[in-house]
PDB file of all heavy atoms in Angstrom:
ATOM      1  N   LEU A   1       0.827  -1.187   0.000  1.00  0.00           N
ATOM      2  CA  LEU A   1       0.000   0.000   0.000  1.00  0.00           C
ATOM      3  C   LEU A   1       0.868   1.246   0.000  1.00  0.00           C
ATOM      4  O   LEU A   1       1.944   1.264   0.595  1.00  0.00           O
ATOM      5  CB  LEU A   1      -0.919   0.026   1.223  1.00  0.00           C
ATOM      6  CG  LEU A   1      -1.798  -1.202   1.460  1.00  0.00           C
ATOM      7  CD1 LEU A   1      -2.700  -0.967   2.664  1.00  0.00           C
ATOM      8  CD2 LEU A   1      -2.619  -1.537   0.225  1.00  0.00           C
ATOM      9  N   SER A   2       0.378   2.286  -0.655  1.00  0.00           N
ATOM     10  CA  SER A   2       1.048   3.576  -0.672  1.00  0.00           C
ATOM     11  C   SER A   2       0.075   4.655  -0.236  1.00  0.00           C
ATOM     12  O   SER A   2      -1.138   4.526  -0.426  1.00  0.00           O
ATOM     13  CB  SER A   2       1.567   3.912  -2.074  1.00  0.00           C
ATOM     14  OG  SER A   2       2.501   2.955  -2.528  1.00  0.00           O
ATOM     15  N   CYS A   3       0.591   5.711   0.347  1.00  0.00           N
ATOM     16  CA  CYS A   3      -0.218   6.862   0.712  1.00  0.00           C
ATOM     17  C   CYS A   3       0.572   8.122   0.383  1.00  0.00           C
ATOM     18  O   CYS A   3       1.571   8.426   1.042  1.00  0.00           O
ATOM     19  CB  CYS A   3      -0.591   6.831   2.195  1.00  0.00           C
ATOM     20  SG  CYS A   3      -1.624   8.210   2.735  1.00  0.00           S
ATOM     21  N   GLU A   4       0.132   8.824  -0.655  1.00  0.00           N
ATOM     22  CA  GLU A   4       0.753  10.081  -1.051  1.00  0.00           C
ATOM     23  C   GLU A   4       0.094  11.233  -0.304  1.00  0.00           C
ATOM     24  O   GLU A   4      -1.132  11.345  -0.285  1.00  0.00           O
ATOM     25  CB  GLU A   4       0.626  10.286  -2.560  1.00  0.00           C
ATOM     26  CG  GLU A   4       1.388   9.271  -3.388  1.00  0.00           C
ATOM     27  CD  GLU A   4       1.245   9.520  -4.867  1.00  0.00           C
ATOM     28  OE1 GLU A   4       0.200   9.135  -5.438  1.00  0.00           O
ATOM     29  OE2 GLU A   4       2.170  10.111  -5.463  1.00  0.00           O
ATOM     30  N   VAL A   5       0.907  12.086   0.282  1.00  0.00           N
ATOM     31  CA  VAL A   5       0.432  13.169   1.125  1.00  0.00           C
ATOM     32  C   VAL A   5       0.790  14.502   0.492  1.00  0.00           C
ATOM     33  O   VAL A   5       1.898  14.687  -0.006  1.00  0.00           O
ATOM     34  CB  VAL A   5       1.027  13.074   2.537  1.00  0.00           C
ATOM     35  CG1 VAL A   5       0.526  14.205   3.423  1.00  0.00           C
ATOM     36  CG2 VAL A   5       0.707  11.719   3.162  1.00  0.00           C
ATOM     37  N   SER A   6      -0.142  15.439   0.529  1.00  0.00           N
ATOM     38  CA  SER A   6       0.105  16.779   0.029  1.00  0.00           C
ATOM     39  C   SER A   6      -0.612  17.786   0.916  1.00  0.00           C
ATOM     40  O   SER A   6      -1.545  17.446   1.642  1.00  0.00           O
ATOM     41  CB  SER A   6      -0.357  16.925  -1.427  1.00  0.00           C
ATOM     42  OG  SER A   6      -1.748  16.685  -1.549  1.00  0.00           O
ATOM     43  N   GLY A   7      -0.164  19.031   0.864  1.00  0.00           N
ATOM     44  CA  GLY A   7      -0.816  20.097   1.592  1.00  0.00           C
ATOM     45  C   GLY A   7      -0.326  20.315   3.011  1.00  0.00           C
ATOM     46  O   GLY A   7      -0.883  21.157   3.721  1.00  0.00           O
ATOM     47  N   LEU A   8       0.690  19.592   3.436  1.00  0.00           N
ATOM     48  CA  LEU A   8       1.285  19.792   4.745  1.00  0.00           C
ATOM     49  C   LEU A   8       2.782  19.530   4.677  1.00  0.00           C
ATOM     50  O   LEU A   8       3.275  19.000   3.682  1.00  0.00           O
ATOM     51  CB  LEU A   8       0.606  18.916   5.807  1.00  0.00           C
ATOM     52  CG  LEU A   8       0.468  17.411   5.558  1.00  0.00           C
ATOM     53  CD1 LEU A   8       1.799  16.685   5.732  1.00  0.00           C
ATOM     54  CD2 LEU A   8      -0.575  16.821   6.494  1.00  0.00           C
ATOM     55  N   THR A   9       3.479  19.926   5.729  1.00  0.00           N
ATOM     56  CA  THR A   9       4.909  19.653   5.809  1.00  0.00           C
ATOM     57  C   THR A   9       5.079  18.215   6.273  1.00  0.00           C
ATOM     58  O   THR A   9       4.986  17.909   7.459  1.00  0.00           O
ATOM     59  CB  THR A   9       5.600  20.632   6.767  1.00  0.00           C
ATOM     60  OG1 THR A   9       5.349  21.977   6.346  1.00  0.00           O
ATOM     61  CG2 THR A   9       7.107  20.392   6.776  1.00  0.00           C
ATOM     62  N   PHE A  10       5.318  17.341   5.319  1.00  0.00           N
ATOM     63  CA  PHE A  10       5.272  15.899   5.558  1.00  0.00           C
ATOM     64  C   PHE A  10       6.203  15.476   6.688  1.00  0.00           C
ATOM     65  O   PHE A  10       5.834  14.623   7.513  1.00  0.00           O
ATOM     66  CB  PHE A  10       5.607  15.167   4.258  1.00  0.00           C
ATOM     67  CG  PHE A  10       5.475  13.677   4.329  1.00  0.00           C
ATOM     68  CD1 PHE A  10       4.249  13.089   4.591  1.00  0.00           C
ATOM     69  CD2 PHE A  10       6.575  12.860   4.116  1.00  0.00           C
ATOM     70  CE1 PHE A  10       4.118  11.714   4.649  1.00  0.00           C
ATOM     71  CE2 PHE A  10       6.453  11.488   4.163  1.00  0.00           C
ATOM     72  CZ  PHE A  10       5.225  10.916   4.431  1.00  0.00           C
ATOM     73  N   SER A  11       7.394  16.053   6.743  1.00  0.00           N
ATOM     74  CA  SER A  11       8.372  15.645   7.743  1.00  0.00           C
ATOM     75  C   SER A  11       7.979  16.045   9.165  1.00  0.00           C
ATOM     76  O   SER A  11       8.610  15.586  10.122  1.00  0.00           O
ATOM     77  CB  SER A  11       9.758  16.214   7.409  1.00  0.00           C
ATOM     78  OG  SER A  11       9.720  17.628   7.361  1.00  0.00           O
ATOM     79  N   ASP A  12       6.965  16.889   9.322  1.00  0.00           N
ATOM     80  CA  ASP A  12       6.485  17.277  10.649  1.00  0.00           C
ATOM     81  C   ASP A  12       5.454  16.303  11.209  1.00  0.00           C
ATOM     82  O   ASP A  12       4.965  16.514  12.320  1.00  0.00           O
ATOM     83  CB  ASP A  12       5.853  18.672  10.615  1.00  0.00           C
ATOM     84  CG  ASP A  12       6.878  19.776  10.479  1.00  0.00           C
ATOM     85  OD1 ASP A  12       8.085  19.511  10.686  1.00  0.00           O
ATOM     86  OD2 ASP A  12       6.475  20.908  10.168  1.00  0.00           O
ATOM     87  N   TYR A  13       5.126  15.261  10.460  1.00  0.00           N
ATOM     88  CA  TYR A  13       4.022  14.396  10.837  1.00  0.00           C
ATOM     89  C   TYR A  13       4.448  12.948  10.984  1.00  0.00           C
ATOM     90  O   TYR A  13       5.170  12.401  10.151  1.00  0.00           O
ATOM     91  CB  TYR A  13       2.894  14.481   9.798  1.00  0.00           C
ATOM     92  CG  TYR A  13       2.111  15.767   9.876  1.00  0.00           C
ATOM     93  CD1 TYR A  13       2.616  16.934   9.341  1.00  0.00           C
ATOM     94  CD2 TYR A  13       0.871  15.796  10.497  1.00  0.00           C
ATOM     95  CE1 TYR A  13       1.905  18.120   9.433  1.00  0.00           C
ATOM     96  CE2 TYR A  13       0.154  16.981  10.585  1.00  0.00           C
ATOM     97  CZ  TYR A  13       0.677  18.134  10.056  1.00  0.00           C
ATOM     98  OH  TYR A  13      -0.030  19.302  10.145  1.00  0.00           O
ATOM     99  N   TYR A  14       4.009  12.359  12.082  1.00  0.00           N
ATOM    100  CA  TYR A  14       3.971  10.911  12.151  1.00  0.00           C
ATOM    101  C   TYR A  14       2.883  10.411  11.209  1.00  0.00           C
ATOM    102  O   TYR A  14       1.856  11.064  11.023  1.00  0.00           O
ATOM    103  CB  TYR A  14       3.646  10.435  13.574  1.00  0.00           C
ATOM    104  CG  TYR A  14       4.702  10.710  14.601  1.00  0.00           C
ATOM    105  CD1 TYR A  14       4.565  11.789  15.470  1.00  0.00           C
ATOM    106  CD2 TYR A  14       5.812   9.883  14.737  1.00  0.00           C
ATOM    107  CE1 TYR A  14       5.521  12.040  16.440  1.00  0.00           C
ATOM    108  CE2 TYR A  14       6.769  10.132  15.707  1.00  0.00           C
ATOM    109  CZ  TYR A  14       6.623  11.208  16.549  1.00  0.00           C
ATOM    110  OH  TYR A  14       7.578  11.443  17.515  1.00  0.00           O
ATOM    111  N   MET A  15       3.110   9.246  10.638  1.00  0.00           N
ATOM    112  CA  MET A  15       2.106   8.622   9.794  1.00  0.00           C
ATOM    113  C   MET A  15       1.688   7.298  10.408  1.00  0.00           C
ATOM    114  O   MET A  15       2.516   6.572  10.971  1.00  0.00           O
ATOM    115  CB  MET A  15       2.636   8.403   8.378  1.00  0.00           C
ATOM    116  CG  MET A  15       2.971   9.683   7.629  1.00  0.00           C
ATOM    117  SD  MET A  15       1.521  10.741   7.346  1.00  0.00           S
ATOM    118  CE  MET A  15       0.496   9.672   6.334  1.00  0.00           C
ATOM    119  N   SER A  16       0.408   7.008  10.286  1.00  0.00           N
ATOM    120  CA  SER A  16      -0.130   5.785  10.851  1.00  0.00           C
ATOM    121  C   SER A  16      -1.011   5.087   9.832  1.00  0.00           C
ATOM    122  O   SER A  16      -1.584   5.724   8.942  1.00  0.00           O
ATOM    123  CB  SER A  16      -0.952   6.069  12.115  1.00  0.00           C
ATOM    124  OG  SER A  16      -0.167   6.679  13.122  1.00  0.00           O
ATOM    125  N   TRP A  17      -1.091   3.783   9.979  1.00  0.00           N
ATOM    126  CA  TRP A  17      -2.032   2.971   9.212  1.00  0.00           C
ATOM    127  C   TRP A  17      -3.054   2.372  10.168  1.00  0.00           C
ATOM    128  O   TRP A  17      -2.702   1.849  11.233  1.00  0.00           O
ATOM    129  CB  TRP A  17      -1.328   1.848   8.455  1.00  0.00           C
ATOM    130  CG  TRP A  17      -0.492   2.299   7.303  1.00  0.00           C
ATOM    131  CD1 TRP A  17       0.844   2.532   7.296  1.00  0.00           C
ATOM    132  CD2 TRP A  17      -0.954   2.557   5.969  1.00  0.00           C
ATOM    133  NE1 TRP A  17       1.253   2.916   6.049  1.00  0.00           N
ATOM    134  CE2 TRP A  17       0.167   2.944   5.209  1.00  0.00           C
ATOM    135  CE3 TRP A  17      -2.204   2.490   5.344  1.00  0.00           C
ATOM    136  CZ2 TRP A  17       0.076   3.271   3.859  1.00  0.00           C
ATOM    137  CZ3 TRP A  17      -2.290   2.819   4.000  1.00  0.00           C
ATOM    138  CH2 TRP A  17      -1.167   3.199   3.277  1.00  0.00           C
ATOM    139  N   PHE A  18      -4.310   2.455   9.774  1.00  0.00           N
ATOM    140  CA  PHE A  18      -5.416   1.813  10.464  1.00  0.00           C
ATOM    141  C   PHE A  18      -6.178   0.963   9.458  1.00  0.00           C
ATOM    142  O   PHE A  18      -6.033   1.139   8.250  1.00  0.00           O
ATOM    143  CB  PHE A  18      -6.368   2.846  11.083  1.00  0.00           C
ATOM    144  CG  PHE A  18      -5.768   3.668  12.183  1.00  0.00           C
ATOM    145  CD1 PHE A  18      -4.965   4.761  11.899  1.00  0.00           C
ATOM    146  CD2 PHE A  18      -6.014   3.369  13.517  1.00  0.00           C
ATOM    147  CE1 PHE A  18      -4.417   5.527  12.908  1.00  0.00           C
ATOM    148  CE2 PHE A  18      -5.478   4.126  14.537  1.00  0.00           C
ATOM    149  CZ  PHE A  18      -4.676   5.206  14.228  1.00  0.00           C
ATOM    150  N   ARG A  19      -6.989   0.065   9.961  1.00  0.00           N
ATOM    151  CA  ARG A  19      -7.842  -0.724   9.081  1.00  0.00           C
ATOM    152  C   ARG A  19      -9.178  -0.989   9.764  1.00  0.00           C
ATOM    153  O   ARG A  19      -9.290  -0.963  10.986  1.00  0.00           O
ATOM    154  CB  ARG A  19      -7.185  -2.052   8.690  1.00  0.00           C
ATOM    155  CG  ARG A  19      -7.035  -3.036   9.837  1.00  0.00           C
ATOM    156  CD  ARG A  19      -6.260  -4.260   9.392  1.00  0.00           C
ATOM    157  NE  ARG A  19      -6.128  -5.244  10.463  1.00  0.00           N
ATOM    158  CZ  ARG A  19      -5.387  -6.340  10.385  1.00  0.00           C
ATOM    159  NH1 ARG A  19      -4.695  -6.594   9.270  1.00  0.00           N
ATOM    160  NH2 ARG A  19      -5.326  -7.186  11.406  1.00  0.00           N
ATOM    161  N   GLN A  20     -10.182  -1.253   8.945  1.00  0.00           N
ATOM    162  CA  GLN A  20     -11.499  -1.574   9.453  1.00  0.00           C
ATOM    163  C   GLN A  20     -12.040  -2.763   8.674  1.00  0.00           C
ATOM    164  O   GLN A  20     -12.317  -2.661   7.480  1.00  0.00           O
ATOM    165  CB  GLN A  20     -12.448  -0.381   9.340  1.00  0.00           C
ATOM    166  CG  GLN A  20     -13.786  -0.611  10.006  1.00  0.00           C
ATOM    167  CD  GLN A  20     -14.607   0.663  10.114  1.00  0.00           C
ATOM    168  OE1 GLN A  20     -14.393   1.615   9.376  1.00  0.00           O
ATOM    169  NE2 GLN A  20     -15.549   0.674  11.037  1.00  0.00           N
ATOM    170  N   ALA A  21     -12.176  -3.881   9.360  1.00  0.00           N
ATOM    171  CA  ALA A  21     -12.716  -5.087   8.757  1.00  0.00           C
ATOM    172  C   ALA A  21     -14.235  -5.002   8.709  1.00  0.00           C
ATOM    173  O   ALA A  21     -14.853  -4.272   9.499  1.00  0.00           O
ATOM    174  CB  ALA A  21     -12.284  -6.311   9.549  1.00  0.00           C
ATOM    175  N   PRO A  22     -14.862  -5.745   7.792  1.00  0.00           N
ATOM    176  CA  PRO A  22     -16.329  -5.729   7.735  1.00  0.00           C
ATOM    177  C   PRO A  22     -16.943  -6.109   9.070  1.00  0.00           C
ATOM    178  O   PRO A  22     -16.589  -7.132   9.661  1.00  0.00           O
ATOM    179  CB  PRO A  22     -16.643  -6.775   6.659  1.00  0.00           C
ATOM    180  CG  PRO A  22     -15.418  -6.821   5.801  1.00  0.00           C
ATOM    181  CD  PRO A  22     -14.274  -6.598   6.750  1.00  0.00           C
ATOM    182  N   GLY A  23     -17.846  -5.284   9.546  1.00  0.00           N
ATOM    183  CA  GLY A  23     -18.543  -5.560  10.788  1.00  0.00           C
ATOM    184  C   GLY A  23     -17.745  -5.337  12.053  1.00  0.00           C
ATOM    185  O   GLY A  23     -18.221  -5.684  13.138  1.00  0.00           O
ATOM    186  N   LYS A  24     -16.562  -4.767  11.952  1.00  0.00           N
ATOM    187  CA  LYS A  24     -15.706  -4.548  13.112  1.00  0.00           C
ATOM    188  C   LYS A  24     -15.328  -3.085  13.232  1.00  0.00           C
ATOM    189  O   LYS A  24     -15.467  -2.307  12.290  1.00  0.00           O
ATOM    190  CB  LYS A  24     -14.444  -5.403  13.031  1.00  0.00           C
ATOM    191  CG  LYS A  24     -14.698  -6.902  13.015  1.00  0.00           C
ATOM    192  CD  LYS A  24     -13.410  -7.692  12.947  1.00  0.00           C
ATOM    193  CE  LYS A  24     -12.590  -7.543  14.213  1.00  0.00           C
ATOM    194  NZ  LYS A  24     -11.373  -8.401  14.179  1.00  0.00           N
ATOM    195  N   GLU A  25     -14.843  -2.720  14.408  1.00  0.00           N
ATOM    196  CA  GLU A  25     -14.368  -1.368  14.635  1.00  0.00           C
ATOM    197  C   GLU A  25     -13.000  -1.163  13.993  1.00  0.00           C
ATOM    198  O   GLU A  25     -12.243  -2.112  13.772  1.00  0.00           O
ATOM    199  CB  GLU A  25     -14.286  -1.076  16.136  1.00  0.00           C
ATOM    200  CG  GLU A  25     -15.618  -1.133  16.862  1.00  0.00           C
ATOM    201  CD  GLU A  25     -16.569  -0.067  16.384  1.00  0.00           C
ATOM    202  OE1 GLU A  25     -16.132   1.086  16.184  1.00  0.00           O
ATOM    203  OE2 GLU A  25     -17.756  -0.380  16.194  1.00  0.00           O
ATOM    204  N   ARG A  26     -12.688   0.090  13.708  1.00  0.00           N
ATOM    205  CA  ARG A  26     -11.387   0.405  13.150  1.00  0.00           C
ATOM    206  C   ARG A  26     -10.293   0.112  14.176  1.00  0.00           C
ATOM    207  O   ARG A  26     -10.453   0.379  15.370  1.00  0.00           O
ATOM    208  CB  ARG A  26     -11.343   1.878  12.731  1.00  0.00           C
ATOM    209  CG  ARG A  26     -10.078   2.279  11.998  1.00  0.00           C
ATOM    210  CD  ARG A  26     -10.283   3.565  11.220  1.00  0.00           C
ATOM    211  NE  ARG A  26     -10.714   4.657  12.067  1.00  0.00           N
ATOM    212  CZ  ARG A  26     -11.288   5.776  11.622  1.00  0.00           C
ATOM    213  NH1 ARG A  26     -11.506   5.924  10.322  1.00  0.00           N
ATOM    214  NH2 ARG A  26     -11.635   6.724  12.473  1.00  0.00           N
ATOM    215  N   GLU A  27      -9.197  -0.443  13.709  1.00  0.00           N
ATOM    216  CA  GLU A  27      -8.096  -0.779  14.586  1.00  0.00           C
ATOM    217  C   GLU A  27      -6.780  -0.252  14.025  1.00  0.00           C
ATOM    218  O   GLU A  27      -6.606  -0.112  12.813  1.00  0.00           O
ATOM    219  CB  GLU A  27      -7.996  -2.296  14.787  1.00  0.00           C
ATOM    220  CG  GLU A  27      -7.670  -3.076  13.527  1.00  0.00           C
ATOM    221  CD  GLU A  27      -7.500  -4.564  13.770  1.00  0.00           C
ATOM    222  OE1 GLU A  27      -7.357  -4.974  14.941  1.00  0.00           O
ATOM    223  OE2 GLU A  27      -7.513  -5.333  12.783  1.00  0.00           O
ATOM    224  N   TRP A  28      -5.860   0.007  14.918  1.00  0.00           N
ATOM    225  CA  TRP A  28      -4.550   0.493  14.543  1.00  0.00           C
ATOM    226  C   TRP A  28      -3.694  -0.642  13.991  1.00  0.00           C
ATOM    227  O   TRP A  28      -3.764  -1.775  14.464  1.00  0.00           O
ATOM    228  CB  TRP A  28      -3.853   1.116  15.760  1.00  0.00           C
ATOM    229  CG  TRP A  28      -2.402   1.406  15.560  1.00  0.00           C
ATOM    230  CD1 TRP A  28      -1.850   2.382  14.790  1.00  0.00           C
ATOM    231  CD2 TRP A  28      -1.311   0.694  16.150  1.00  0.00           C
ATOM    232  NE1 TRP A  28      -0.479   2.333  14.865  1.00  0.00           N
ATOM    233  CE2 TRP A  28      -0.124   1.310  15.691  1.00  0.00           C
ATOM    234  CE3 TRP A  28      -1.214  -0.388  17.019  1.00  0.00           C
ATOM    235  CZ2 TRP A  28       1.141   0.868  16.077  1.00  0.00           C
ATOM    236  CZ3 TRP A  28       0.031  -0.829  17.413  1.00  0.00           C
ATOM    237  CH2 TRP A  28       1.190  -0.204  16.939  1.00  0.00           C
ATOM    238  N   VAL A  29      -2.878  -0.328  12.991  1.00  0.00           N
ATOM    239  CA  VAL A  29      -2.012  -1.310  12.345  1.00  0.00           C
ATOM    240  C   VAL A  29      -0.535  -0.986  12.546  1.00  0.00           C
ATOM    241  O   VAL A  29       0.245  -1.839  12.965  1.00  0.00           O
ATOM    242  CB  VAL A  29      -2.321  -1.409  10.842  1.00  0.00           C
ATOM    243  CG1 VAL A  29      -1.340  -2.352  10.148  1.00  0.00           C
ATOM    244  CG2 VAL A  29      -3.752  -1.892  10.627  1.00  0.00           C
ATOM    245  N   SER A  30      -0.134   0.257  12.238  1.00  0.00           N
ATOM    246  CA  SER A  30       1.287   0.590  12.254  1.00  0.00           C
ATOM    247  C   SER A  30       1.488   2.084  12.417  1.00  0.00           C
ATOM    248  O   SER A  30       0.660   2.883  11.989  1.00  0.00           O
ATOM    249  CB  SER A  30       1.946   0.117  10.950  1.00  0.00           C
ATOM    250  OG  SER A  30       3.317   0.470  10.898  1.00  0.00           O
ATOM    251  N   CYS A  31       2.621   2.461  13.032  1.00  0.00           N
ATOM    252  CA  CYS A  31       3.084   3.839  13.099  1.00  0.00           C
ATOM    253  C   CYS A  31       4.429   3.934  12.408  1.00  0.00           C
ATOM    254  O   CYS A  31       5.267   3.030  12.522  1.00  0.00           O
ATOM    255  CB  CYS A  31       3.261   4.323  14.539  1.00  0.00           C
ATOM    256  SG  CYS A  31       1.776   4.370  15.550  1.00  0.00           S
ATOM    257  N   ILE A  32       4.646   5.047  11.708  1.00  0.00           N
ATOM    258  CA  ILE A  32       5.929   5.348  11.087  1.00  0.00           C
ATOM    259  C   ILE A  32       6.325   6.737  11.553  1.00  0.00           C
ATOM    260  O   ILE A  32       5.612   7.706  11.301  1.00  0.00           O
ATOM    261  CB  ILE A  32       5.859   5.283   9.551  1.00  0.00           C
ATOM    262  CG1 ILE A  32       5.411   3.903   9.079  1.00  0.00           C
ATOM    263  CG2 ILE A  32       7.221   5.633   8.955  1.00  0.00           C
ATOM    264  CD1 ILE A  32       3.922   3.795   8.844  1.00  0.00           C
ATOM    265  N   GLY A  33       7.464   6.860  12.228  1.00  0.00           N
ATOM    266  CA  GLY A  33       7.906   8.111  12.809  1.00  0.00           C
ATOM    267  C   GLY A  33       8.190   9.180  11.772  1.00  0.00           C
ATOM    268  O   GLY A  33       8.387   8.894  10.582  1.00  0.00           O
ATOM    269  N   SER A  34       8.218  10.432  12.234  1.00  0.00           N
ATOM    270  CA  SER A  34       8.373  11.562  11.330  1.00  0.00           C
ATOM    271  C   SER A  34       9.810  11.824  10.901  1.00  0.00           C
ATOM    272  O   SER A  34      10.039  12.343   9.810  1.00  0.00           O
ATOM    273  CB  SER A  34       7.809  12.835  11.978  1.00  0.00           C
ATOM    274  OG  SER A  34       8.485  13.124  13.191  1.00  0.00           O
ATOM    275  N   GLY A  35      10.770  11.506  11.747  1.00  0.00           N
ATOM    276  CA  GLY A  35      12.168  11.772  11.445  1.00  0.00           C
ATOM    277  C   GLY A  35      12.997  10.517  11.367  1.00  0.00           C
ATOM    278  O   GLY A  35      13.199   9.952  10.286  1.00  0.00           O
ATOM    279  N   VAL A  36      13.443  10.062  12.523  1.00  0.00           N
ATOM    280  CA  VAL A  36      14.181   8.813  12.600  1.00  0.00           C
ATOM    281  C   VAL A  36      13.305   7.671  12.087  1.00  0.00           C
ATOM    282  O   VAL A  36      12.082   7.693  12.252  1.00  0.00           O
ATOM    283  CB  VAL A  36      14.646   8.541  14.045  1.00  0.00           C
ATOM    284  CG1 VAL A  36      15.419   7.231  14.126  1.00  0.00           C
ATOM    285  CG2 VAL A  36      15.491   9.690  14.559  1.00  0.00           C
ATOM    286  N   ASP A  37      13.937   6.709  11.441  1.00  0.00           N
ATOM    287  CA  ASP A  37      13.213   5.555  10.922  1.00  0.00           C
ATOM    288  C   ASP A  37      12.791   4.654  12.066  1.00  0.00           C
ATOM    289  O   ASP A  37      13.475   3.677  12.388  1.00  0.00           O
ATOM    290  CB  ASP A  37      14.067   4.793   9.913  1.00  0.00           C
ATOM    291  CG  ASP A  37      14.198   5.501   8.594  1.00  0.00           C
ATOM    292  OD1 ASP A  37      13.310   6.313   8.268  1.00  0.00           O
ATOM    293  OD2 ASP A  37      15.181   5.240   7.878  1.00  0.00           O
ATOM    294  N   THR A  38      11.656   4.985  12.666  1.00  0.00           N
ATOM    295  CA  THR A  38      11.099   4.193  13.747  1.00  0.00           C
ATOM    296  C   THR A  38       9.707   3.742  13.350  1.00  0.00           C
ATOM    297  O   THR A  38       8.935   4.512  12.779  1.00  0.00           O
ATOM    298  CB  THR A  38      11.031   4.987  15.056  1.00  0.00           C
ATOM    299  OG1 THR A  38      10.284   6.193  14.855  1.00  0.00           O
ATOM    300  CG2 THR A  38      12.433   5.348  15.538  1.00  0.00           C
TER     301      THR A  38
END
């Protein structure tokens, strides 16, 4: 999966992935840090 971001200073933001399965609540999947590769 890819997520292209525009309209903000990308390096100032942590990025996260969430998912929502059919019939279930949205859940967190992953965090990617804003600076250091964490």
